[in-house]
Amino acid sequence: MASILKSFFALYLSKLLLSMSLGLLATFLSLRLTIEGFSTQITGIILTAYFVGSVVGAIYCRRIIRSVGHIRAFTAFAALATAMIMLHGCYISALAWAVFRFFSGIATIGNTWMFYCRFDEQFLLHHGAGVLPSNKFKYFRAILFYDNYGIRRAFLPVALGLVFRSV
């Protein structure tokens, strides 16, 4: 069990930091927009642009990853996310911030996609490539359970160890 926790620690820590920073950015932007005097409707539209970008990213990120490869795609998504977040400090414009939030959503979904790809690689490395489809279903069911019920990824290695110990 300790080897499972050790192999996934950096991966979980990076995902935790990414999620925490995105939550902090959304809070900061909503407060900054209020301070700058934007209406609540404009603030809502700007903050919603992130989720529209996430949907668009979910549609197109797979094609990008397949065409350029995992490492180049991760680098591009990380650079895009960094640039968009830094540009918020350069301009105070509703349209510019909506565009920045849109591309931040695309970059974030791309990085999340890369996280899951890396997670799957680590899983196959640890459990072997000969995982039966029924066992993979248990694996994805464990991920969905921990994602949907707020525990996130903190105890996922323990759950996976328990799921695959019974096999």
C-alpha atoms as a PDB file:
ATOM      1  CA  MET A   1       0.000   0.000   0.000  1.00  0.00           C
ATOM      2  CA  ALA A   2       2.880   2.365   0.741  1.00  0.00           C
ATOM      3  CA  SER A   3       4.253   1.919  -2.769  1.00  0.00           C
ATOM      4  CA  ILE A   4       0.898   2.945  -4.241  1.00  0.00           C
ATOM      5  CA  LEU A   5       0.811   6.105  -2.139  1.00  0.00           C
ATOM      6  CA  LYS A   6       4.419   6.938  -2.971  1.00  0.00           C
ATOM      7  CA  SER A   7       3.995   6.568  -6.734  1.00  0.00           C
ATOM      8  CA  PHE A   8       0.926   8.792  -6.863  1.00  0.00           C
ATOM      9  CA  PHE A   9       1.934  11.496  -4.365  1.00  0.00           C
ATOM     10  CA  ALA A  10       3.418  13.993  -6.859  1.00  0.00           C
ATOM     11  CA  LEU A  11       0.503  13.475  -9.213  1.00  0.00           C
ATOM     12  CA  TYR A  12      -2.084  14.119  -6.503  1.00  0.00           C
ATOM     13  CA  LEU A  13      -0.182  17.077  -5.128  1.00  0.00           C
ATOM     14  CA  SER A  14      -0.015  18.751  -8.538  1.00  0.00           C
ATOM     15  CA  LYS A  15      -3.746  18.200  -9.121  1.00  0.00           C
ATOM     16  CA  LEU A  16      -4.524  19.528  -5.652  1.00  0.00           C
ATOM     17  CA  LEU A  17      -2.481  22.682  -6.245  1.00  0.00           C
ATOM     18  CA  LEU A  18      -4.083  23.196  -9.656  1.00  0.00           C
ATOM     19  CA  SER A  19      -7.601  22.839  -8.251  1.00  0.00           C
ATOM     20  CA  MET A  20      -6.897  25.107  -5.298  1.00  0.00           C
ATOM     21  CA  SER A  21      -5.344  27.806  -7.459  1.00  0.00           C
ATOM     22  CA  LEU A  22      -8.260  27.785  -9.899  1.00  0.00           C
ATOM     23  CA  GLY A  23     -10.721  28.151  -7.053  1.00  0.00           C
ATOM     24  CA  LEU A  24      -8.707  31.029  -5.638  1.00  0.00           C
ATOM     25  CA  LEU A  25      -8.530  32.707  -9.044  1.00  0.00           C
ATOM     26  CA  ALA A  26     -12.313  32.530  -9.496  1.00  0.00           C
ATOM     27  CA  THR A  27     -12.835  34.068  -6.058  1.00  0.00           C
ATOM     28  CA  PHE A  28     -10.269  36.771  -6.729  1.00  0.00           C
ATOM     29  CA  LEU A  29     -11.756  37.646 -10.115  1.00  0.00           C
ATOM     30  CA  SER A  30     -15.292  37.927  -8.779  1.00  0.00           C
ATOM     31  CA  LEU A  31     -14.101  40.247  -6.012  1.00  0.00           C
ATOM     32  CA  ARG A  32     -11.957  42.291  -8.401  1.00  0.00           C
ATOM     33  CA  LEU A  33     -14.824  42.672 -10.873  1.00  0.00           C
ATOM     34  CA  THR A  34     -17.070  43.888  -8.060  1.00  0.00           C
ATOM     35  CA  ILE A  35     -14.434  46.364  -6.890  1.00  0.00           C
ATOM     36  CA  GLU A  36     -13.990  47.652 -10.450  1.00  0.00           C
ATOM     37  CA  GLY A  37     -17.731  48.344 -10.630  1.00  0.00           C
ATOM     38  CA  PHE A  38     -18.895  45.699 -13.095  1.00  0.00           C
ATOM     39  CA  SER A  39     -22.493  44.580 -12.751  1.00  0.00           C
ATOM     40  CA  THR A  40     -23.339  41.156 -11.406  1.00  0.00           C
ATOM     41  CA  GLN A  41     -24.555  40.075 -14.856  1.00  0.00           C
ATOM     42  CA  ILE A  42     -21.238  40.985 -16.487  1.00  0.00           C
ATOM     43  CA  THR A  43     -19.372  39.291 -13.638  1.00  0.00           C
ATOM     44  CA  GLY A  44     -21.452  36.158 -14.164  1.00  0.00           C
ATOM     45  CA  ILE A  45     -20.818  36.173 -17.906  1.00  0.00           C
ATOM     46  CA  ILE A  46     -17.071  36.586 -17.410  1.00  0.00           C
ATOM     47  CA  LEU A  47     -16.863  33.795 -14.860  1.00  0.00           C
ATOM     48  CA  THR A  48     -19.093  31.549 -17.006  1.00  0.00           C
ATOM     49  CA  ALA A  49     -16.708  31.921 -19.939  1.00  0.00           C
ATOM     50  CA  TYR A  50     -14.361  29.566 -18.073  1.00  0.00           C
ATOM     51  CA  PHE A  51     -16.929  26.774 -18.170  1.00  0.00           C
ATOM     52  CA  VAL A  52     -17.760  27.420 -21.813  1.00  0.00           C
ATOM     53  CA  GLY A  53     -14.035  27.053 -22.480  1.00  0.00           C
ATOM     54  CA  SER A  54     -14.042  23.818 -20.499  1.00  0.00           C
ATOM     55  CA  VAL A  55     -16.770  22.385 -22.719  1.00  0.00           C
ATOM     56  CA  VAL A  56     -14.963  23.461 -25.882  1.00  0.00           C
ATOM     57  CA  GLY A  57     -11.727  22.052 -24.474  1.00  0.00           C
ATOM     58  CA  ALA A  58     -13.392  18.746 -23.697  1.00  0.00           C
ATOM     59  CA  ILE A  59     -14.383  18.504 -27.345  1.00  0.00           C
ATOM     60  CA  TYR A  60     -11.062  19.538 -28.922  1.00  0.00           C
ATOM     61  CA  CYS A  61      -8.295  18.636 -26.441  1.00  0.00           C
ATOM     62  CA  ARG A  62      -8.302  14.985 -27.419  1.00  0.00           C
ATOM     63  CA  ARG A  63      -7.543  15.914 -31.024  1.00  0.00           C
ATOM     64  CA  ILE A  64      -4.723  18.212 -29.922  1.00  0.00           C
ATOM     65  CA  ILE A  65      -3.204  15.535 -27.703  1.00  0.00           C
ATOM     66  CA  ARG A  66      -3.365  12.950 -30.476  1.00  0.00           C
ATOM     67  CA  SER A  67      -1.827  15.268 -33.052  1.00  0.00           C
ATOM     68  CA  VAL A  68       1.126  16.643 -31.049  1.00  0.00           C
ATOM     69  CA  GLY A  69       1.626  14.083 -28.274  1.00  0.00           C
ATOM     70  CA  HIS A  70       1.157  14.091 -24.513  1.00  0.00           C
ATOM     71  CA  ILE A  71       4.237  16.022 -23.462  1.00  0.00           C
ATOM     72  CA  ARG A  72       3.898  18.798 -26.042  1.00  0.00           C
ATOM     73  CA  ALA A  73       0.184  19.109 -25.330  1.00  0.00           C
ATOM     74  CA  PHE A  74       0.796  19.336 -21.583  1.00  0.00           C
ATOM     75  CA  THR A  75       3.428  22.016 -22.152  1.00  0.00           C
ATOM     76  CA  ALA A  76       1.120  23.980 -24.438  1.00  0.00           C
ATOM     77  CA  PHE A  77      -1.826  23.765 -22.024  1.00  0.00           C
ATOM     78  CA  ALA A  78       0.326  24.750 -19.043  1.00  0.00           C
ATOM     79  CA  ALA A  79       1.805  27.704 -20.959  1.00  0.00           C
ATOM     80  CA  LEU A  80      -1.649  28.798 -22.128  1.00  0.00           C
ATOM     81  CA  ALA A  81      -3.064  28.622 -18.598  1.00  0.00           C
ATOM     82  CA  THR A  82      -0.127  30.577 -17.189  1.00  0.00           C
ATOM     83  CA  ALA A  83      -0.324  33.251 -19.869  1.00  0.00           C
ATOM     84  CA  MET A  84      -4.072  33.706 -19.506  1.00  0.00           C
ATOM     85  CA  ILE A  85      -3.865  34.007 -15.726  1.00  0.00           C
ATOM     86  CA  MET A  86      -1.020  36.534 -15.955  1.00  0.00           C
ATOM     87  CA  LEU A  87      -2.883  38.608 -18.548  1.00  0.00           C
ATOM     88  CA  HIS A  88      -5.686  39.254 -16.062  1.00  0.00           C
ATOM     89  CA  GLY A  89      -3.348  41.665 -14.320  1.00  0.00           C
ATOM     90  CA  CYS A  90      -2.548  43.605 -17.497  1.00  0.00           C
ATOM     91  CA  TYR A  91      -6.051  44.598 -18.567  1.00  0.00           C
ATOM     92  CA  ILE A  92      -9.238  45.607 -16.827  1.00  0.00           C
ATOM     93  CA  SER A  93     -11.786  44.909 -19.522  1.00  0.00           C
ATOM     94  CA  ALA A  94     -14.842  42.702 -19.392  1.00  0.00           C
ATOM     95  CA  LEU A  95     -14.340  41.376 -22.908  1.00  0.00           C
ATOM     96  CA  ALA A  96     -10.625  40.688 -22.383  1.00  0.00           C
ATOM     97  CA  TRP A  97     -11.259  38.904 -19.088  1.00  0.00           C
ATOM     98  CA  ALA A  98     -14.010  36.796 -20.663  1.00  0.00           C
ATOM     99  CA  VAL A  99     -11.591  35.750 -23.416  1.00  0.00           C
ATOM    100  CA  PHE A 100      -8.891  35.009 -20.827  1.00  0.00           C
ATOM    101  CA  ARG A 101     -11.332  32.928 -18.790  1.00  0.00           C
ATOM    102  CA  PHE A 102     -12.440  31.063 -21.927  1.00  0.00           C
ATOM    103  CA  PHE A 103      -8.890  30.059 -22.827  1.00  0.00           C
ATOM    104  CA  SER A 104      -8.140  29.276 -19.172  1.00  0.00           C
ATOM    105  CA  GLY A 105     -11.012  26.791 -19.283  1.00  0.00           C
ATOM    106  CA  ILE A 106      -9.588  25.129 -22.381  1.00  0.00           C
ATOM    107  CA  ALA A 107      -6.117  24.946 -20.822  1.00  0.00           C
ATOM    108  CA  THR A 108      -7.424  23.616 -17.540  1.00  0.00           C
ATOM    109  CA  ILE A 109      -9.449  20.849 -19.156  1.00  0.00           C
ATOM    110  CA  GLY A 110      -6.389  19.981 -21.246  1.00  0.00           C
ATOM    111  CA  ASN A 111      -4.227  19.754 -18.126  1.00  0.00           C
ATOM    112  CA  THR A 112      -6.889  17.707 -16.366  1.00  0.00           C
ATOM    113  CA  TRP A 113      -7.021  15.392 -19.365  1.00  0.00           C
ATOM    114  CA  MET A 114      -3.248  15.030 -19.106  1.00  0.00           C
ATOM    115  CA  PHE A 115      -3.586  14.272 -15.395  1.00  0.00           C
ATOM    116  CA  TYR A 116      -5.983  11.430 -16.127  1.00  0.00           C
ATOM    117  CA  CYS A 117      -3.720  10.118 -18.906  1.00  0.00           C
ATOM    118  CA  ARG A 118      -0.779  10.097 -16.513  1.00  0.00           C
ATOM    119  CA  PHE A 119      -2.939   8.522 -13.817  1.00  0.00           C
ATOM    120  CA  ASP A 120      -3.911   5.762 -16.236  1.00  0.00           C
ATOM    121  CA  GLU A 121      -0.246   5.211 -17.176  1.00  0.00           C
ATOM    122  CA  GLN A 122       0.702   4.931 -13.502  1.00  0.00           C
ATOM    123  CA  PHE A 123      -2.185   2.564 -12.922  1.00  0.00           C
ATOM    124  CA  LEU A 124      -1.152   0.291 -15.787  1.00  0.00           C
ATOM    125  CA  LEU A 125       2.486   0.468 -14.687  1.00  0.00           C
ATOM    126  CA  HIS A 126       1.543  -0.576 -11.172  1.00  0.00           C
ATOM    127  CA  HIS A 127      -1.135  -3.157 -11.997  1.00  0.00           C
ATOM    128  CA  GLY A 128       0.101  -4.384 -15.379  1.00  0.00           C
ATOM    129  CA  ALA A 129      -1.370  -4.097 -18.829  1.00  0.00           C
ATOM    130  CA  GLY A 130      -3.383  -7.285 -18.487  1.00  0.00           C
ATOM    131  CA  VAL A 131      -6.152  -5.713 -16.433  1.00  0.00           C
ATOM    132  CA  LEU A 132      -9.486  -7.314 -17.162  1.00  0.00           C
ATOM    133  CA  PRO A 133     -12.281  -5.033 -18.386  1.00  0.00           C
ATOM    134  CA  SER A 134     -14.334  -5.808 -15.272  1.00  0.00           C
ATOM    135  CA  ASN A 135     -11.412  -4.677 -13.119  1.00  0.00           C
ATOM    136  CA  LYS A 136     -11.027  -1.495 -15.160  1.00  0.00           C
ATOM    137  CA  PHE A 137     -14.707  -0.852 -14.540  1.00  0.00           C
ATOM    138  CA  LYS A 138     -14.054  -1.130 -10.793  1.00  0.00           C
ATOM    139  CA  TYR A 139     -11.137   1.266 -11.196  1.00  0.00           C
ATOM    140  CA  PHE A 140     -13.223   3.900 -13.010  1.00  0.00           C
ATOM    141  CA  ARG A 141     -16.122   3.383 -10.605  1.00  0.00           C
ATOM    142  CA  ALA A 142     -13.742   4.127  -7.727  1.00  0.00           C
ATOM    143  CA  ILE A 143     -12.555   7.309  -9.476  1.00  0.00           C
ATOM    144  CA  LEU A 144     -16.117   8.482 -10.113  1.00  0.00           C
ATOM    145  CA  PHE A 145     -17.160   7.734  -6.540  1.00  0.00           C
ATOM    146  CA  TYR A 146     -14.320   9.737  -5.066  1.00  0.00           C
ATOM    147  CA  ASP A 147     -14.714  12.590  -7.561  1.00  0.00           C
ATOM    148  CA  ASN A 148     -18.464  12.919  -7.088  1.00  0.00           C
ATOM    149  CA  TYR A 149     -18.631  12.634  -3.330  1.00  0.00           C
ATOM    150  CA  GLY A 150     -16.152  15.324  -2.395  1.00  0.00           C
ATOM    151  CA  ILE A 151     -13.326  13.185  -1.092  1.00  0.00           C
ATOM    152  CA  ARG A 152     -11.488  13.753  -4.383  1.00  0.00           C
ATOM    153  CA  ARG A 153      -8.190  11.976  -4.745  1.00  0.00           C
ATOM    154  CA  ALA A 154      -6.863  11.895  -1.211  1.00  0.00           C
ATOM    155  CA  PHE A 155      -7.834   8.291  -0.473  1.00  0.00           C
ATOM    156  CA  LEU A 156      -8.092   6.940  -4.003  1.00  0.00           C
ATOM    157  CA  PRO A 157      -4.907   4.809  -3.798  1.00  0.00           C
ATOM    158  CA  VAL A 158      -6.281   3.139  -0.698  1.00  0.00           C
ATOM    159  CA  ALA A 159      -9.581   2.475  -2.453  1.00  0.00           C
ATOM    160  CA  LEU A 160      -7.838   1.081  -5.513  1.00  0.00           C
ATOM    161  CA  GLY A 161      -5.736  -1.167  -3.310  1.00  0.00           C
ATOM    162  CA  LEU A 162      -8.886  -2.491  -1.668  1.00  0.00           C
ATOM    163  CA  VAL A 163     -10.659  -2.954  -5.000  1.00  0.00           C
ATOM    164  CA  PHE A 164      -7.812  -4.882  -6.575  1.00  0.00           C
ATOM    165  CA  ARG A 165      -6.906  -6.828  -3.469  1.00  0.00           C
ATOM    166  CA  SER A 166     -10.240  -8.666  -3.805  1.00  0.00           C
ATOM    167  CA  VAL A 167      -9.451  -9.718  -7.393  1.00  0.00           C
END
